Amino acid sequence: MKSEQDHKPHGKPMRYSVQDLISPKEIGKGCTVTMSNGRSESGTLTQVSTFEIELKLSNGKHLIIMKHSLVTVSFT
């Protein structure tokens, strides 16, 4: 994962948002997300787009989550 120390254009540390750290290369990995309303969901990341992600949950259902609602994301 990138840190603020990785890139310093013009002497200022760059800031990364949770949304920017989710990329298509993570598709197929196990993922746990926490949303701004406090809800947590775990599943397999199946799709990533500009504004949303899709998780396949353990019950077989697919959940589409808007990236702006994400607080934390962890991959297993």
PDB file of N, CA and C in Angstrom:
ATOM      1  N   MET A   1       0.839  -1.160   0.000  1.00  0.00           N
ATOM      2  CA  MET A   1       0.000   0.000   0.000  1.00  0.00           C
ATOM      3  C   MET A   1       0.894   1.236   0.000  1.00  0.00           C
ATOM      4  N   LYS A   2       0.418   2.262  -0.662  1.00  0.00           N
ATOM      5  CA  LYS A   2       1.191   3.498  -0.752  1.00  0.00           C
ATOM      6  C   LYS A   2       1.097   4.277   0.552  1.00  0.00           C
ATOM      7  N   SER A   3       2.130   5.002   0.848  1.00  0.00           N
ATOM      8  CA  SER A   3       2.099   5.855   2.027  1.00  0.00           C
ATOM      9  C   SER A   3       2.366   7.282   1.599  1.00  0.00           C
ATOM     10  N   GLU A   4       2.144   8.204   2.495  1.00  0.00           N
ATOM     11  CA  GLU A   4       2.374   9.605   2.170  1.00  0.00           C
ATOM     12  C   GLU A   4       3.838   9.890   1.885  1.00  0.00           C
ATOM     13  N   GLN A   5       4.716   9.027   2.332  1.00  0.00           N
ATOM     14  CA  GLN A   5       6.142   9.237   2.117  1.00  0.00           C
ATOM     15  C   GLN A   5       6.589   8.789   0.729  1.00  0.00           C
ATOM     16  N   ASP A   6       5.741   8.039  -0.014  1.00  0.00           N
ATOM     17  CA  ASP A   6       6.143   7.495  -1.307  1.00  0.00           C
ATOM     18  C   ASP A   6       6.440   8.566  -2.351  1.00  0.00           C
ATOM     19  N   HIS A   7       5.628   9.589  -2.430  1.00  0.00           N
ATOM     20  CA  HIS A   7       5.778  10.625  -3.452  1.00  0.00           C
ATOM     21  C   HIS A   7       5.656  11.991  -2.804  1.00  0.00           C
ATOM     22  N   LYS A   8       6.589  12.847  -3.119  1.00  0.00           N
ATOM     23  CA  LYS A   8       6.554  14.194  -2.566  1.00  0.00           C
ATOM     24  C   LYS A   8       6.795  15.210  -3.678  1.00  0.00           C
ATOM     25  N   PRO A   9       5.774  15.510  -4.497  1.00  0.00           N
ATOM     26  CA  PRO A   9       5.967  16.526  -5.520  1.00  0.00           C
ATOM     27  C   PRO A   9       6.077  17.898  -4.874  1.00  0.00           C
ATOM     28  N   HIS A  10       7.058  18.637  -5.288  1.00  0.00           N
ATOM     29  CA  HIS A  10       7.263  19.998  -4.784  1.00  0.00           C
ATOM     30  C   HIS A  10       7.431  20.042  -3.269  1.00  0.00           C
ATOM     31  N   GLY A  11       7.963  18.970  -2.690  1.00  0.00           N
ATOM     32  CA  GLY A  11       8.246  18.948  -1.265  1.00  0.00           C
ATOM     33  C   GLY A  11       7.056  18.689  -0.370  1.00  0.00           C
ATOM     34  N   LYS A  12       5.868  18.464  -0.946  1.00  0.00           N
ATOM     35  CA  LYS A  12       4.668  18.225  -0.138  1.00  0.00           C
ATOM     36  C   LYS A  12       4.276  16.753  -0.237  1.00  0.00           C
ATOM     37  N   PRO A  13       3.925  16.117   0.880  1.00  0.00           N
ATOM     38  CA  PRO A  13       3.491  14.718   0.815  1.00  0.00           C
ATOM     39  C   PRO A  13       2.154  14.602   0.087  1.00  0.00           C
ATOM     40  N   MET A  14       2.014  13.540  -0.721  1.00  0.00           N
ATOM     41  CA  MET A  14       0.747  13.307  -1.406  1.00  0.00           C
ATOM     42  C   MET A  14      -0.206  12.601  -0.455  1.00  0.00           C
ATOM     43  N   ARG A  15      -1.467  12.851  -0.621  1.00  0.00           N
ATOM     44  CA  ARG A  15      -2.490  12.182   0.175  1.00  0.00           C
ATOM     45  C   ARG A  15      -3.248  11.217  -0.733  1.00  0.00           C
ATOM     46  N   TYR A  16      -3.538  10.035  -0.199  1.00  0.00           N
ATOM     47  CA  TYR A  16      -4.259   9.027  -0.939  1.00  0.00           C
ATOM     48  C   TYR A  16      -5.576   8.757  -0.241  1.00  0.00           C
ATOM     49  N   SER A  17      -6.633   8.599  -1.019  1.00  0.00           N
ATOM     50  CA  SER A  17      -7.913   8.258  -0.436  1.00  0.00           C
ATOM     51  C   SER A  17      -8.127   6.749  -0.549  1.00  0.00           C
ATOM     52  N   VAL A  18      -9.018   6.230   0.236  1.00  0.00           N
ATOM     53  CA  VAL A  18      -9.342   4.803   0.200  1.00  0.00           C
ATOM     54  C   VAL A  18      -9.783   4.425  -1.211  1.00  0.00           C
ATOM     55  N   GLN A  19     -10.558   5.286  -1.848  1.00  0.00           N
ATOM     56  CA  GLN A  19     -11.084   5.000  -3.178  1.00  0.00           C
ATOM     57  C   GLN A  19      -9.982   4.831  -4.217  1.00  0.00           C
ATOM     58  N   ASP A  20      -8.909   5.592  -4.099  1.00  0.00           N
ATOM     59  CA  ASP A  20      -7.818   5.519  -5.075  1.00  0.00           C
ATOM     60  C   ASP A  20      -6.995   4.247  -4.936  1.00  0.00           C
ATOM     61  N   LEU A  21      -7.049   3.594  -3.795  1.00  0.00           N
ATOM     62  CA  LEU A  21      -6.224   2.419  -3.558  1.00  0.00           C
ATOM     63  C   LEU A  21      -6.871   1.122  -4.040  1.00  0.00           C
ATOM     64  N   ILE A  22      -8.112   1.182  -4.476  1.00  0.00           N
ATOM     65  CA  ILE A  22      -8.798   0.005  -4.998  1.00  0.00           C
ATOM     66  C   ILE A  22      -8.646   0.024  -6.509  1.00  0.00           C
ATOM     67  N   SER A  23      -7.951  -0.965  -7.045  1.00  0.00           N
ATOM     68  CA  SER A  23      -7.719  -1.002  -8.483  1.00  0.00           C
ATOM     69  C   SER A  23      -8.186  -2.336  -9.054  1.00  0.00           C
ATOM     70  N   PRO A  24      -8.341  -2.409 -10.371  1.00  0.00           N
ATOM     71  CA  PRO A  24      -8.770  -3.668 -10.997  1.00  0.00           C
ATOM     72  C   PRO A  24      -7.829  -4.842 -10.728  1.00  0.00           C
ATOM     73  N   LYS A  25      -6.572  -4.590 -10.384  1.00  0.00           N
ATOM     74  CA  LYS A  25      -5.656  -5.705 -10.092  1.00  0.00           C
ATOM     75  C   LYS A  25      -6.048  -6.441  -8.814  1.00  0.00           C
ATOM     76  N   GLU A  26      -6.919  -5.864  -8.006  1.00  0.00           N
ATOM     77  CA  GLU A  26      -7.380  -6.492  -6.761  1.00  0.00           C
ATOM     78  C   GLU A  26      -8.571  -7.430  -6.985  1.00  0.00           C
ATOM     79  N   ILE A  27      -9.120  -7.467  -8.196  1.00  0.00           N
ATOM     80  CA  ILE A  27     -10.288  -8.313  -8.493  1.00  0.00           C
ATOM     81  C   ILE A  27      -9.952  -9.773  -8.213  1.00  0.00           C
ATOM     82  N   GLY A  28     -10.866 -10.450  -7.549  1.00  0.00           N
ATOM     83  CA  GLY A  28     -10.690 -11.858  -7.192  1.00  0.00           C
ATOM     84  C   GLY A  28     -10.168 -12.067  -5.784  1.00  0.00           C
ATOM     85  N   LYS A  29      -9.735 -11.000  -5.132  1.00  0.00           N
ATOM     86  CA  LYS A  29      -9.219 -11.099  -3.767  1.00  0.00           C
ATOM     87  C   LYS A  29     -10.360 -10.961  -2.762  1.00  0.00           C
ATOM     88  N   GLY A  30     -10.158 -11.565  -1.594  1.00  0.00           N
ATOM     89  CA  GLY A  30     -11.095 -11.387  -0.498  1.00  0.00           C
ATOM     90  C   GLY A  30     -10.984  -9.960   0.022  1.00  0.00           C
ATOM     91  N   CYS A  31     -12.097  -9.400   0.402  1.00  0.00           N
ATOM     92  CA  CYS A  31     -12.119  -7.983   0.759  1.00  0.00           C
ATOM     93  C   CYS A  31     -13.123  -7.744   1.891  1.00  0.00           C
ATOM     94  N   THR A  32     -12.738  -6.919   2.845  1.00  0.00           N
ATOM     95  CA  THR A  32     -13.651  -6.473   3.894  1.00  0.00           C
ATOM     96  C   THR A  32     -13.702  -4.950   3.827  1.00  0.00           C
ATOM     97  N   VAL A  33     -14.906  -4.408   3.746  1.00  0.00           N
ATOM     98  CA  VAL A  33     -15.066  -2.960   3.666  1.00  0.00           C
ATOM     99  C   VAL A  33     -15.937  -2.471   4.820  1.00  0.00           C
ATOM    100  N   THR A  34     -15.646  -1.285   5.273  1.00  0.00           N
ATOM    101  CA  THR A  34     -16.488  -0.604   6.252  1.00  0.00           C
ATOM    102  C   THR A  34     -16.984   0.671   5.593  1.00  0.00           C
ATOM    103  N   MET A  35     -18.293   0.892   5.690  1.00  0.00           N
ATOM    104  CA  MET A  35     -18.909   2.055   5.053  1.00  0.00           C
ATOM    105  C   MET A  35     -19.131   3.171   6.061  1.00  0.00           C
ATOM    106  N   SER A  36     -19.438   4.337   5.559  1.00  0.00           N
ATOM    107  CA  SER A  36     -19.588   5.524   6.412  1.00  0.00           C
ATOM    108  C   SER A  36     -20.748   5.400   7.398  1.00  0.00           C
ATOM    109  N   ASN A  37     -21.699   4.515   7.130  1.00  0.00           N
ATOM    110  CA  ASN A  37     -22.809   4.319   8.071  1.00  0.00           C
ATOM    111  C   ASN A  37     -22.484   3.288   9.146  1.00  0.00           C
ATOM    112  N   GLY A  38     -21.235   2.741   9.121  1.00  0.00           N
ATOM    113  CA  GLY A  38     -20.800   1.780  10.123  1.00  0.00           C
ATOM    114  C   GLY A  38     -20.961   0.329   9.720  1.00  0.00           C
ATOM    115  N   ARG A  39     -21.644   0.077   8.631  1.00  0.00           N
ATOM    116  CA  ARG A  39     -21.877  -1.288   8.155  1.00  0.00           C
ATOM    117  C   ARG A  39     -20.586  -1.878   7.579  1.00  0.00           C
ATOM    118  N   SER A  40     -20.304  -3.136   7.919  1.00  0.00           N
ATOM    119  CA  SER A  40     -19.150  -3.847   7.369  1.00  0.00           C
ATOM    120  C   SER A  40     -19.646  -5.018   6.535  1.00  0.00           C
ATOM    121  N   GLU A  41     -18.969  -5.255   5.420  1.00  0.00           N
ATOM    122  CA  GLU A  41     -19.297  -6.385   4.555  1.00  0.00           C
ATOM    123  C   GLU A  41     -18.005  -7.045   4.112  1.00  0.00           C
ATOM    124  N   SER A  42     -18.054  -8.367   3.977  1.00  0.00           N
ATOM    125  CA  SER A  42     -16.908  -9.137   3.492  1.00  0.00           C
ATOM    126  C   SER A  42     -17.341  -9.968   2.304  1.00  0.00           C
ATOM    127  N   GLY A  43     -16.441 -10.109   1.348  1.00  0.00           N
ATOM    128  CA  GLY A  43     -16.729 -10.909   0.170  1.00  0.00           C
ATOM    129  C   GLY A  43     -15.546 -10.893  -0.772  1.00  0.00           C
ATOM    130  N   THR A  44     -15.800 -11.316  -1.993  1.00  0.00           N
ATOM    131  CA  THR A  44     -14.774 -11.329  -3.028  1.00  0.00           C
ATOM    132  C   THR A  44     -15.023 -10.157  -3.963  1.00  0.00           C
ATOM    133  N   LEU A  45     -13.989  -9.379  -4.218  1.00  0.00           N
ATOM    134  CA  LEU A  45     -14.103  -8.235  -5.122  1.00  0.00           C
ATOM    135  C   LEU A  45     -14.272  -8.751  -6.541  1.00  0.00           C
ATOM    136  N   THR A  46     -15.388  -8.394  -7.191  1.00  0.00           N
ATOM    137  CA  THR A  46     -15.659  -8.899  -8.537  1.00  0.00           C
ATOM    138  C   THR A  46     -15.558  -7.831  -9.610  1.00  0.00           C
ATOM    139  N   GLN A  47     -15.802  -6.565  -9.270  1.00  0.00           N
ATOM    140  CA  GLN A  47     -15.709  -5.486 -10.258  1.00  0.00           C
ATOM    141  C   GLN A  47     -15.275  -4.194  -9.584  1.00  0.00           C
ATOM    142  N   VAL A  48     -14.556  -3.380 -10.354  1.00  0.00           N
ATOM    143  CA  VAL A  48     -14.145  -2.059  -9.894  1.00  0.00           C
ATOM    144  C   VAL A  48     -14.409  -1.089 -11.029  1.00  0.00           C
ATOM    145  N   SER A  49     -15.087   0.006 -10.745  1.00  0.00           N
ATOM    146  CA  SER A  49     -15.283   1.053 -11.750  1.00  0.00           C
ATOM    147  C   SER A  49     -14.896   2.389 -11.130  1.00  0.00           C
ATOM    148  N   THR A  50     -15.128   3.434 -11.851  1.00  0.00           N
ATOM    149  CA  THR A  50     -14.735   4.764 -11.394  1.00  0.00           C
ATOM    150  C   THR A  50     -15.399   5.140 -10.077  1.00  0.00           C
ATOM    151  N   PHE A  51     -16.671   4.799  -9.925  1.00  0.00           N
ATOM    152  CA  PHE A  51     -17.429   5.260  -8.771  1.00  0.00           C
ATOM    153  C   PHE A  51     -17.931   4.164  -7.845  1.00  0.00           C
ATOM    154  N   GLU A  52     -17.764   2.895  -8.211  1.00  0.00           N
ATOM    155  CA  GLU A  52     -18.326   1.818  -7.404  1.00  0.00           C
ATOM    156  C   GLU A  52     -17.471   0.565  -7.456  1.00  0.00           C
ATOM    157  N   ILE A  53     -17.710  -0.304  -6.469  1.00  0.00           N
ATOM    158  CA  ILE A  53     -17.106  -1.636  -6.454  1.00  0.00           C
ATOM    159  C   ILE A  53     -18.230  -2.648  -6.286  1.00  0.00           C
ATOM    160  N   GLU A  54     -17.947  -3.886  -6.660  1.00  0.00           N
ATOM    161  CA  GLU A  54     -18.932  -4.947  -6.486  1.00  0.00           C
ATOM    162  C   GLU A  54     -18.283  -6.092  -5.723  1.00  0.00           C
ATOM    163  N   LEU A  55     -18.954  -6.548  -4.675  1.00  0.00           N
ATOM    164  CA  LEU A  55     -18.503  -7.688  -3.883  1.00  0.00           C
ATOM    165  C   LEU A  55     -19.465  -8.851  -4.077  1.00  0.00           C
ATOM    166  N   LYS A  56     -18.907 -10.056  -4.166  1.00  0.00           N
ATOM    167  CA  LYS A  56     -19.738 -11.258  -4.130  1.00  0.00           C
ATOM    168  C   LYS A  56     -19.699 -11.750  -2.698  1.00  0.00           C
ATOM    169  N   LEU A  57     -20.849 -11.750  -2.043  1.00  0.00           N
ATOM    170  CA  LEU A  57     -20.943 -12.124  -0.639  1.00  0.00           C
ATOM    171  C   LEU A  57     -20.976 -13.639  -0.481  1.00  0.00           C
ATOM    172  N   SER A  58     -20.787 -14.110   0.741  1.00  0.00           N
ATOM    173  CA  SER A  58     -20.751 -15.552   1.019  1.00  0.00           C
ATOM    174  C   SER A  58     -22.086 -16.237   0.722  1.00  0.00           C
ATOM    175  N   ASN A  59     -23.191 -15.487   0.728  1.00  0.00           N
ATOM    176  CA  ASN A  59     -24.500 -16.076   0.434  1.00  0.00           C
ATOM    177  C   ASN A  59     -24.786 -16.126  -1.069  1.00  0.00           C
ATOM    178  N   GLY A  60     -23.795 -15.716  -1.886  1.00  0.00           N
ATOM    179  CA  GLY A  60     -23.946 -15.771  -3.336  1.00  0.00           C
ATOM    180  C   GLY A  60     -24.485 -14.500  -3.968  1.00  0.00           C
ATOM    181  N   LYS A  61     -24.951 -13.576  -3.160  1.00  0.00           N
ATOM    182  CA  LYS A  61     -25.492 -12.326  -3.691  1.00  0.00           C
ATOM    183  C   LYS A  61     -24.354 -11.356  -4.013  1.00  0.00           C
ATOM    184  N   HIS A  62     -24.637 -10.432  -4.913  1.00  0.00           N
ATOM    185  CA  HIS A  62     -23.674  -9.406  -5.285  1.00  0.00           C
ATOM    186  C   HIS A  62     -24.106  -8.081  -4.676  1.00  0.00           C
ATOM    187  N   LEU A  63     -23.147  -7.353  -4.129  1.00  0.00           N
ATOM    188  CA  LEU A  63     -23.418  -6.075  -3.479  1.00  0.00           C
ATOM    189  C   LEU A  63     -22.608  -4.992  -4.182  1.00  0.00           C
ATOM    190  N   ILE A  64     -23.294  -3.967  -4.670  1.00  0.00           N
ATOM    191  CA  ILE A  64     -22.626  -2.833  -5.304  1.00  0.00           C
ATOM    192  C   ILE A  64     -22.526  -1.717  -4.268  1.00  0.00           C
ATOM    193  N   ILE A  65     -21.313  -1.204  -4.091  1.00  0.00           N
ATOM    194  CA  ILE A  65     -21.052  -0.172  -3.080  1.00  0.00           C
ATOM    195  C   ILE A  65     -20.417   1.027  -3.757  1.00  0.00           C
ATOM    196  N   MET A  66     -20.947   2.195  -3.488  1.00  0.00           N
ATOM    197  CA  MET A  66     -20.372   3.430  -4.014  1.00  0.00           C
ATOM    198  C   MET A  66     -19.063   3.721  -3.284  1.00  0.00           C
ATOM    199  N   LYS A  67     -18.023   4.075  -4.032  1.00  0.00           N
ATOM    200  CA  LYS A  67     -16.710   4.296  -3.434  1.00  0.00           C
ATOM    201  C   LYS A  67     -16.705   5.441  -2.423  1.00  0.00           C
ATOM    202  N   HIS A  68     -17.521   6.465  -2.636  1.00  0.00           N
ATOM    203  CA  HIS A  68     -17.495   7.607  -1.713  1.00  0.00           C
ATOM    204  C   HIS A  68     -17.998   7.251  -0.317  1.00  0.00           C
ATOM    205  N   SER A  69     -18.666   6.093  -0.199  1.00  0.00           N
ATOM    206  CA  SER A  69     -19.162   5.682   1.120  1.00  0.00           C
ATOM    207  C   SER A  69     -18.171   4.808   1.894  1.00  0.00           C
ATOM    208  N   LEU A  70     -17.014   4.488   1.302  1.00  0.00           N
ATOM    209  CA  LEU A  70     -16.048   3.618   1.952  1.00  0.00           C
ATOM    210  C   LEU A  70     -15.195   4.379   2.955  1.00  0.00           C
ATOM    211  N   VAL A  71     -15.018   3.763   4.129  1.00  0.00           N
ATOM    212  CA  VAL A  71     -14.145   4.343   5.170  1.00  0.00           C
ATOM    213  C   VAL A  71     -12.865   3.524   5.243  1.00  0.00           C
ATOM    214  N   THR A  72     -12.989   2.205   5.312  1.00  0.00           N
ATOM    215  CA  THR A  72     -11.797   1.345   5.337  1.00  0.00           C
ATOM    216  C   THR A  72     -12.000   0.184   4.356  1.00  0.00           C
ATOM    217  N   VAL A  73     -10.885  -0.294   3.819  1.00  0.00           N
ATOM    218  CA  VAL A  73     -10.876  -1.449   2.935  1.00  0.00           C
ATOM    219  C   VAL A  73      -9.668  -2.292   3.289  1.00  0.00           C
ATOM    220  N   SER A  74      -9.859  -3.587   3.469  1.00  0.00           N
ATOM    221  CA  SER A  74      -8.717  -4.470   3.710  1.00  0.00           C
ATOM    222  C   SER A  74      -8.868  -5.693   2.820  1.00  0.00           C
ATOM    223  N   PHE A  75      -7.740  -6.154   2.276  1.00  0.00           N
ATOM    224  CA  PHE A  75      -7.716  -7.322   1.406  1.00  0.00           C
ATOM    225  C   PHE A  75      -7.065  -8.485   2.131  1.00  0.00           C
ATOM    226  N   THR A  76      -7.593  -9.698   1.882  1.00  0.00           N
ATOM    227  CA  THR A  76      -7.038 -10.891   2.511  1.00  0.00           C
ATOM    228  C   THR A  76      -6.357 -11.770   1.490  1.00  0.00           C
TER     229      THR A  76
END
